[in-house]
Amino acid sequence: MPNALLLLSSCLVISFNLGCERKEVGSIPAPEVLVTDVVQQDVPIYAEGIGTTAGQVDAQIRAKVQGYLLSRHYTEGAFVKTGDLLFKIDPRSYQASFDQMKGELARAEAAYKKTQLDVARDTPLAKQGAVSQKELDDSVQANEANKASVFSARANLDKAKLSLDWSNITSPVDGVAGIANAQIGDLIMENTVMTTVSQVDPIKVLFPISEKLYLRFAERIQQGAANPNADWPNRPLLELILADGSVYPHRGQAALPDRQIDVKTGTITIVSYFPNPGNILRPGQYAKVRAVLETHLNALLVPQRAVDELQGTYRVAVVGGDNRVTVRPVKPGPRVGRHWVITEGLNPGERVVVEGLQKIKNGLLVAPKPVPPEPAASGADAASGATKTGT
């Protein structure tokens, strides 16, 4: 009897342990995954190009005469008007040349007047035979020579006046004047670049687009260039994104494409203009230009990390109402910031797995949790909510 009790006790212990093991195996919790809903919304398609700003006119201010720089009469980086004095070169030698040319002109005019009198006097005397025909011819020739001397002296005086005037270097356009390239007291040579004055309102923005994109929209671009006041779709408004990621508040317009494709890069440069009140934008700035070319209506969006790509195929894990996973093949469209447009394989409102893909398989029961909200996008990302084409 004691042996039988001992055997019964052993059987109970073994049965209890096996039961515990079966209980532990059967109670393995479902893996947790982060899910998000498939979003349906209209998605604008952007074309983008990275370029730089430039002045509508970038006028290099060059010295036209040689001399010592006496003074600078503008504030560097300030706005100047046409005709404003920028620099003054020592004018004394040019003033002396001008005065000398004035004297030469007066001398030539006096000689011309004398020969005019000689001709007027000798003409009737030659008819009367009081002077010879040769003397009259000499008087006429001397008069013509002195007349030519007057023209030459007047031209020399005009040239001396130009040189004197060019000692005052003025702005040829309204615009923002740059930093001076010379200091007071420097010897300035002819053709020295003193500074640059740029017209920056409107400011020009140059950016390249691919030959493929140009061919796709060439007709529209040409129509926009031929009709400056045309509205969309012939002349779409452009957005300008600055180096800090902010979107410039004023919209611009594409003006015209360059005359040829760059054979080295396969791109063509597009010229555009943006209003620039207050001259905030300056030449040489980074500029990302974009325009809405078309809109995908009722597009389905999922986060890019929800799409599993393998050897050219794309799959998404969908969590059904019973919390079981269905792995589906999908057909992706363009990328939209952190999201991807899905053109086939999903329905609006379905839940897709965003995190935990490595822990699941088809038909697995999961514990879905909503994905935490992403930090708000700033600048251009927040403004777009859209995709872009290759440029």
Protein backbone atom coordinates (compact mmCIF):
# COMPACT_ATOMS: atom_id res chain seq x y z
CA MET A 1 0.00 0.00 0.00
CA PRO A 2 2.70 2.60 0.75
CA ASN A 3 4.29 1.83 -2.63
CA ALA A 4 0.95 2.32 -4.34
CA LEU A 5 0.47 5.67 -2.60
CA LEU A 6 3.98 6.71 -3.60
CA LEU A 7 3.31 5.74 -7.23
CA LEU A 8 0.01 7.67 -7.22
CA SER A 9 1.70 10.75 -5.80
CA SER A 10 4.39 10.61 -8.50
CA CYS A 11 1.77 10.36 -11.22
CA LEU A 12 -0.09 13.36 -9.80
CA VAL A 13 3.12 15.44 -9.72
CA ILE A 14 4.00 14.52 -13.31
CA SER A 15 0.47 15.25 -14.49
CA PHE A 16 0.50 18.60 -12.68
CA ASN A 17 3.83 19.61 -14.25
CA LEU A 18 2.68 18.60 -17.74
CA GLY A 19 -0.51 20.56 -17.23
CA CYS A 20 1.46 23.65 -16.21
CA GLU A 21 3.66 23.35 -19.25
CA ARG A 22 0.61 23.04 -21.48
CA LYS A 23 -0.90 26.09 -19.82
CA GLU A 24 2.26 28.14 -20.29
CA VAL A 25 2.47 27.18 -23.97
CA GLY A 26 -1.16 28.00 -24.59
CA SER A 27 -0.95 31.44 -22.91
CA ILE A 28 1.87 33.00 -25.07
CA PRO A 29 0.66 36.58 -25.68
CA ALA A 30 0.11 37.90 -29.22
CA PRO A 31 2.99 40.09 -30.44
CA GLU A 32 2.44 43.80 -30.23
CA VAL A 33 2.66 45.80 -33.48
CA LEU A 34 2.16 49.45 -34.29
CA VAL A 35 -0.54 50.11 -36.86
CA THR A 36 -1.97 53.12 -38.65
CA ASP A 37 -4.98 53.68 -40.87
CA VAL A 38 -4.77 53.97 -44.64
CA VAL A 39 -5.42 57.63 -45.39
CA GLN A 40 -7.32 58.80 -48.44
CA GLN A 41 -6.74 62.35 -49.69
CA ASP A 42 -5.93 64.42 -52.76
CA VAL A 43 -2.18 64.54 -53.39
CA PRO A 44 -0.63 67.34 -55.50
CA ILE A 45 2.32 66.35 -57.67
CA TYR A 46 5.20 68.80 -57.55
CA ALA A 47 8.07 69.40 -59.90
CA GLU A 48 11.14 70.70 -58.09
CA GLY A 49 14.43 72.23 -59.07
CA ILE A 50 17.38 73.42 -57.02
CA GLY A 51 18.80 76.71 -58.20
CA THR A 52 20.13 80.09 -57.16
CA THR A 53 18.87 83.64 -57.08
CA ALA A 54 20.30 86.34 -59.32
CA GLY A 55 19.67 89.99 -59.96
CA GLN A 56 17.31 90.87 -62.77
CA VAL A 57 20.24 93.10 -63.77
CA ASP A 58 23.69 92.65 -62.23
CA ALA A 59 25.56 95.74 -63.39
CA GLN A 60 29.29 95.65 -62.81
CA ILE A 61 30.46 99.17 -62.02
CA ARG A 62 33.82 99.62 -63.76
CA ALA A 63 36.23 102.53 -63.78
CA LYS A 64 36.58 104.08 -67.24
CA VAL A 65 39.57 106.28 -66.40
CA GLN A 66 42.73 105.85 -64.36
CA GLY A 67 43.46 107.75 -61.19
CA TYR A 68 43.53 107.77 -57.41
CA LEU A 69 40.26 107.04 -55.62
CA LEU A 70 39.26 110.13 -53.65
CA SER A 71 35.97 109.14 -52.05
CA ARG A 72 33.08 106.66 -51.83
CA HIS A 73 29.58 108.14 -51.75
CA TYR A 74 27.23 105.21 -51.04
CA THR A 75 26.53 102.79 -48.22
CA GLU A 76 27.55 99.24 -49.06
CA GLY A 77 24.52 96.96 -49.35
CA ALA A 78 22.11 99.90 -49.58
CA PHE A 79 19.68 100.78 -52.36
CA VAL A 80 20.89 103.33 -54.90
CA LYS A 81 19.14 105.05 -57.79
CA THR A 82 20.18 105.61 -61.38
CA GLY A 83 22.70 108.46 -61.55
CA ASP A 84 23.65 108.34 -57.86
CA LEU A 85 27.35 109.09 -57.29
CA LEU A 86 29.18 105.98 -56.06
CA PHE A 87 32.91 106.81 -56.34
CA LYS A 88 35.03 109.82 -57.22
CA ILE A 89 38.45 109.53 -58.87
CA ASP A 90 40.93 112.42 -58.68
CA PRO A 91 39.75 114.66 -61.59
CA ARG A 92 42.57 117.23 -61.70
CA SER A 93 44.49 115.80 -64.64
CA TYR A 94 41.24 115.37 -66.59
CA GLN A 95 40.17 118.89 -65.71
CA ALA A 96 43.49 120.17 -67.05
CA SER A 97 43.06 118.19 -70.27
CA PHE A 98 39.55 119.56 -70.65
CA ASP A 99 40.75 123.14 -70.18
CA GLN A 100 43.56 122.55 -72.69
CA MET A 101 41.08 121.18 -75.25
CA LYS A 102 38.88 124.22 -74.72
CA GLY A 103 41.86 126.40 -75.59
CA GLU A 104 42.65 124.32 -78.68
CA LEU A 105 39.06 124.65 -79.84
CA ALA A 106 39.14 128.43 -79.33
CA ARG A 107 42.39 128.66 -81.31
CA ALA A 108 40.96 126.57 -84.14
CA GLU A 109 37.76 128.61 -84.22
CA ALA A 110 39.79 131.85 -84.38
CA ALA A 111 41.87 130.55 -87.30
CA TYR A 112 38.70 129.41 -89.04
CA LYS A 113 37.12 132.82 -88.67
CA LYS A 114 40.25 134.48 -90.15
CA THR A 115 40.25 132.26 -93.23
CA GLN A 116 36.51 132.83 -93.62
CA LEU A 117 37.26 136.57 -93.78
CA ASP A 118 40.07 135.95 -96.27
CA VAL A 119 37.78 134.03 -98.58
CA ALA A 120 35.06 136.66 -98.28
CA ARG A 121 37.58 139.41 -99.11
CA ASP A 122 39.46 137.65 -101.92
CA THR A 123 36.42 136.37 -103.81
CA PRO A 124 35.28 139.76 -105.23
CA LEU A 125 38.88 140.91 -105.66
CA ALA A 126 39.65 137.84 -107.78
CA LYS A 127 36.72 138.70 -110.04
CA GLN A 128 38.13 142.21 -110.44
CA GLY A 129 41.61 140.84 -111.05
CA ALA A 130 43.00 142.57 -107.96
CA VAL A 131 44.23 139.20 -106.61
CA SER A 132 45.22 136.12 -108.52
CA GLN A 133 43.08 132.99 -108.73
CA LYS A 134 45.86 131.11 -106.91
CA GLU A 135 45.63 133.43 -103.91
CA LEU A 136 41.89 132.86 -103.78
CA ASP A 137 42.35 129.09 -104.03
CA ASP A 138 44.90 129.20 -101.21
CA SER A 139 42.46 131.16 -99.05
CA VAL A 140 39.68 128.64 -99.75
CA GLN A 141 41.91 125.67 -98.94
CA ALA A 142 43.16 127.28 -95.74
CA ASN A 143 39.58 127.93 -94.74
CA GLU A 144 38.59 124.29 -95.30
CA ALA A 145 41.60 123.10 -93.31
CA ASN A 146 40.74 125.38 -90.40
CA LYS A 147 37.12 124.19 -90.57
CA ALA A 148 38.36 120.61 -90.17
CA SER A 149 40.60 121.70 -87.31
CA VAL A 150 37.53 123.07 -85.53
CA PHE A 151 35.74 119.72 -85.87
CA SER A 152 38.81 117.88 -84.56
CA ALA A 153 39.27 120.27 -81.64
CA ARG A 154 35.60 119.96 -80.73
CA ALA A 155 35.87 116.16 -80.75
CA ASN A 156 38.95 116.31 -78.53
CA LEU A 157 37.07 118.59 -76.18
CA ASP A 158 34.14 116.16 -76.04
CA LYS A 159 36.55 113.31 -75.31
CA ALA A 160 38.20 115.32 -72.53
CA LYS A 161 34.74 116.12 -71.14
CA LEU A 162 33.88 112.40 -71.08
CA SER A 163 37.07 111.56 -69.21
CA LEU A 164 36.35 114.34 -66.73
CA ASP A 165 32.79 113.11 -66.25
CA TRP A 166 33.98 109.52 -65.86
CA SER A 167 36.04 110.54 -62.86
CA ASN A 168 32.62 110.56 -61.13
CA ILE A 169 31.44 106.94 -61.13
CA THR A 170 27.64 106.72 -60.97
CA SER A 171 25.07 103.92 -60.89
CA PRO A 172 23.54 103.02 -64.28
CA VAL A 173 20.48 101.33 -62.69
CA ASP A 174 18.30 101.34 -59.60
CA GLY A 175 19.34 98.53 -57.30
CA VAL A 176 21.30 97.26 -54.32
CA ALA A 177 24.98 98.24 -54.36
CA GLY A 178 27.52 95.68 -53.25
CA ILE A 179 30.71 95.94 -51.22
CA ALA A 180 33.36 98.21 -52.68
CA ASN A 181 36.38 96.46 -54.22
CA ALA A 182 38.71 99.43 -53.74
CA GLN A 183 39.70 101.64 -50.85
CA ILE A 184 40.17 105.38 -50.79
CA GLY A 185 43.69 106.22 -51.97
CA ASP A 186 44.03 103.17 -54.24
CA LEU A 187 45.30 103.71 -57.75
CA ILE A 188 42.41 102.69 -59.95
CA MET A 189 43.13 101.38 -63.43
CA GLU A 190 40.79 101.49 -66.37
CA ASN A 191 38.21 98.67 -66.39
CA THR A 192 38.66 97.96 -62.66
CA VAL A 193 35.45 96.52 -61.16
CA MET A 194 34.56 98.89 -58.34
CA THR A 195 31.35 97.18 -57.18
CA THR A 196 28.14 95.62 -58.54
CA VAL A 197 24.63 97.04 -58.48
CA SER A 198 21.81 94.47 -58.73
CA GLN A 199 18.16 95.00 -59.50
CA VAL A 200 16.48 92.51 -57.16
CA ASP A 201 12.77 93.38 -57.31
CA PRO A 202 11.62 91.19 -58.90
CA ILE A 203 14.47 88.80 -58.28
CA LYS A 204 15.48 86.20 -60.86
CA VAL A 205 15.68 82.53 -59.87
CA LEU A 206 17.48 80.09 -62.17
CA PHE A 207 16.89 76.37 -61.72
CA PRO A 208 17.43 73.28 -63.90
CA ILE A 209 14.88 70.62 -64.78
CA SER A 210 15.52 67.33 -66.51
CA GLU A 211 15.15 66.96 -70.24
CA LYS A 212 12.47 64.33 -69.60
CA LEU A 213 10.42 66.68 -67.46
CA TYR A 214 10.90 69.52 -69.93
CA LEU A 215 9.63 67.39 -72.81
CA ARG A 216 6.63 66.39 -70.73
CA PHE A 217 5.62 70.00 -70.15
CA ALA A 218 7.40 71.79 -73.02
CA GLU A 219 4.18 72.94 -74.68
CA ARG A 220 2.84 74.32 -71.42
CA ILE A 221 6.13 76.07 -70.65
CA GLN A 222 6.23 77.66 -74.10
CA GLN A 223 2.63 78.81 -73.85
CA GLY A 224 3.36 80.35 -70.46
CA ALA A 225 6.39 82.16 -71.87
CA ALA A 226 4.37 83.49 -74.79
CA ASN A 227 1.50 84.64 -72.54
CA PRO A 228 2.94 86.38 -69.46
CA ASN A 229 -0.51 87.01 -67.97
CA ALA A 230 -1.88 83.51 -68.58
CA ASP A 231 -3.29 81.50 -65.68
CA TRP A 232 -2.95 77.83 -64.82
CA PRO A 233 -2.31 75.48 -66.55
CA ASN A 234 -0.25 77.46 -69.02
CA ARG A 235 1.63 79.49 -66.43
CA PRO A 236 1.63 77.83 -62.99
CA LEU A 237 2.64 79.80 -59.94
CA LEU A 238 5.90 78.75 -58.36
CA GLU A 239 6.82 78.31 -54.72
CA LEU A 240 10.26 79.23 -53.42
CA ILE A 241 11.80 77.30 -50.52
CA LEU A 242 14.72 79.01 -48.81
CA ALA A 243 17.84 77.59 -47.20
CA ASP A 244 16.23 77.48 -43.73
CA GLY A 245 13.36 75.36 -45.06
CA SER A 246 10.83 78.18 -44.93
CA VAL A 247 8.48 78.84 -47.83
CA TYR A 248 8.86 82.31 -49.31
CA PRO A 249 5.51 84.13 -48.90
CA HIS A 250 5.37 85.48 -52.47
CA ARG A 251 4.65 83.27 -55.48
CA GLY A 252 6.68 83.56 -58.66
CA GLN A 253 6.20 82.78 -62.32
CA ALA A 254 8.32 80.92 -64.82
CA ALA A 255 9.44 83.25 -67.59
CA LEU A 256 11.17 81.11 -70.18
CA PRO A 257 13.51 78.15 -70.64
CA ASP A 258 17.12 78.49 -71.78
CA ARG A 259 17.93 78.10 -75.46
CA GLN A 260 19.49 74.63 -75.14
CA ILE A 261 19.87 71.48 -73.08
CA ASP A 262 23.11 71.16 -71.14
CA VAL A 263 24.70 68.09 -72.76
CA LYS A 264 26.80 67.42 -69.65
CA THR A 265 23.90 67.23 -67.19
CA GLY A 266 20.92 66.56 -69.45
CA THR A 267 19.04 69.51 -67.94
CA ILE A 268 17.65 72.80 -69.17
CA THR A 269 17.67 75.97 -67.09
CA ILE A 270 14.35 77.68 -66.39
CA VAL A 271 14.25 81.42 -65.63
CA SER A 272 11.65 82.55 -63.11
CA TYR A 273 10.88 85.80 -61.31
CA PHE A 274 9.63 86.38 -57.76
CA PRO A 275 8.43 89.63 -56.19
CA ASN A 276 10.97 90.88 -53.69
CA PRO A 277 9.54 93.81 -51.73
CA GLY A 278 12.05 95.27 -49.33
CA ASN A 279 14.91 93.59 -51.22
CA ILE A 280 14.95 90.72 -48.70
CA LEU A 281 16.27 88.18 -51.17
CA ARG A 282 19.76 88.78 -52.54
CA PRO A 283 21.65 87.30 -55.50
CA GLY A 284 23.45 84.02 -54.89
CA GLN A 285 20.99 82.52 -52.39
CA TYR A 286 19.99 78.85 -52.34
CA ALA A 287 16.59 78.42 -53.93
CA LYS A 288 14.40 75.33 -54.27
CA VAL A 289 11.61 76.06 -56.72
CA ARG A 290 8.54 73.88 -57.09
CA ALA A 291 5.21 73.94 -58.87
CA VAL A 292 2.09 71.79 -58.74
CA LEU A 293 1.86 70.02 -62.09
CA GLU A 294 -1.10 67.71 -61.40
CA THR A 295 -3.12 66.26 -58.51
CA HIS A 296 -3.89 62.61 -57.67
CA LEU A 297 -7.49 62.61 -56.47
CA ASN A 298 -8.52 60.34 -53.55
CA ALA A 299 -5.07 58.77 -53.33
CA LEU A 300 -4.38 56.15 -50.64
CA LEU A 301 -1.40 56.91 -48.40
CA VAL A 302 0.58 54.72 -46.01
CA PRO A 303 3.90 55.41 -44.23
CA GLN A 304 6.87 54.35 -46.30
CA ARG A 305 8.11 52.08 -43.49
CA ALA A 306 4.87 50.08 -43.77
CA VAL A 307 5.86 48.89 -47.25
CA ASP A 308 8.15 45.86 -47.43
CA GLU A 309 10.17 45.83 -50.65
CA LEU A 310 11.83 42.60 -51.79
CA GLN A 311 13.34 42.05 -55.25
CA GLY A 312 11.02 44.47 -56.97
CA THR A 313 7.87 43.32 -55.21
CA TYR A 314 6.02 45.31 -52.55
CA ARG A 315 3.98 43.96 -49.65
CA VAL A 316 1.94 45.45 -46.84
CA ALA A 317 0.75 43.71 -43.66
CA VAL A 318 -2.94 44.48 -43.09
CA VAL A 319 -4.54 43.89 -39.69
CA GLY A 320 -8.20 42.88 -39.96
CA GLY A 321 -11.03 43.38 -37.52
CA ASP A 322 -10.14 40.07 -35.79
CA ASN A 323 -6.57 41.34 -35.28
CA ARG A 324 -5.16 38.76 -37.67
CA VAL A 325 -2.53 39.70 -40.21
CA THR A 326 -2.98 39.45 -43.96
CA VAL A 327 0.13 40.08 -46.04
CA ARG A 328 -0.90 41.61 -49.36
CA PRO A 329 1.01 42.53 -52.49
CA VAL A 330 0.52 46.18 -53.40
CA LYS A 331 1.41 48.48 -56.24
CA PRO A 332 3.06 51.68 -54.99
CA GLY A 333 2.89 55.05 -56.70
CA PRO A 334 4.90 58.19 -56.01
CA ARG A 335 6.39 58.97 -52.61
CA VAL A 336 4.83 61.78 -50.58
CA GLY A 337 7.17 63.07 -47.90
CA ARG A 338 7.25 60.22 -45.32
CA HIS A 339 4.35 58.44 -47.05
CA TRP A 340 3.78 56.37 -50.15
CA VAL A 341 0.84 56.44 -52.53
CA ILE A 342 -0.59 52.93 -52.98
CA THR A 343 -2.44 52.55 -56.28
CA GLU A 344 -3.53 48.89 -55.89
CA GLY A 345 -3.99 46.42 -53.03
CA LEU A 346 -5.47 48.54 -50.20
CA ASN A 347 -8.78 50.10 -49.24
CA PRO A 348 -9.49 53.31 -47.32
CA GLY A 349 -9.60 52.94 -43.54
CA GLU A 350 -7.73 49.61 -43.35
CA ARG A 351 -5.02 49.21 -40.75
CA VAL A 352 -1.46 48.49 -41.83
CA VAL A 353 1.50 47.45 -39.70
CA VAL A 354 4.11 50.19 -39.39
CA GLU A 355 6.44 48.65 -36.82
CA GLY A 356 6.99 45.00 -35.93
CA LEU A 357 6.97 43.53 -39.43
CA GLN A 358 9.79 41.14 -38.51
CA LYS A 359 7.61 39.51 -35.82
CA ILE A 360 4.58 38.64 -37.94
CA LYS A 361 3.46 36.33 -40.72
CA ASN A 362 0.31 35.72 -42.67
CA GLY A 363 -2.62 34.72 -40.43
CA LEU A 364 -0.88 35.56 -37.14
CA LEU A 365 -2.95 36.99 -34.30
CA VAL A 366 -1.42 40.30 -33.15
CA ALA A 367 -2.02 42.97 -30.52
CA PRO A 368 -2.27 46.19 -32.56
CA LYS A 369 -1.49 49.56 -31.04
CA PRO A 370 -1.81 52.91 -32.81
CA VAL A 371 1.43 54.44 -33.94
CA PRO A 372 2.42 57.52 -31.89
CA PRO A 373 1.88 60.81 -33.72
CA GLU A 374 4.94 62.00 -35.64
CA PRO A 375 6.48 65.37 -34.81
CA ALA A 376 5.07 68.19 -36.87
CA ALA A 377 6.94 68.79 -40.09
CA SER A 378 8.44 72.22 -40.55
CA GLY A 379 8.82 74.55 -43.48
CA ALA A 380 8.56 72.97 -46.86
CA ASP A 381 7.52 69.51 -45.62
CA ALA A 382 4.54 70.91 -43.76
CA ALA A 383 3.53 73.03 -46.71
CA SER A 384 3.56 70.29 -49.26
CA GLY A 385 1.91 67.11 -48.03
CA ALA A 386 2.68 66.19 -51.61
CA THR A 387 5.00 64.34 -53.82
CA LYS A 388 7.45 65.50 -56.46
CA THR A 389 8.52 64.35 -59.82
CA GLY A 390 12.12 63.81 -60.84
CA THR A 391 13.81 66.95 -62.09
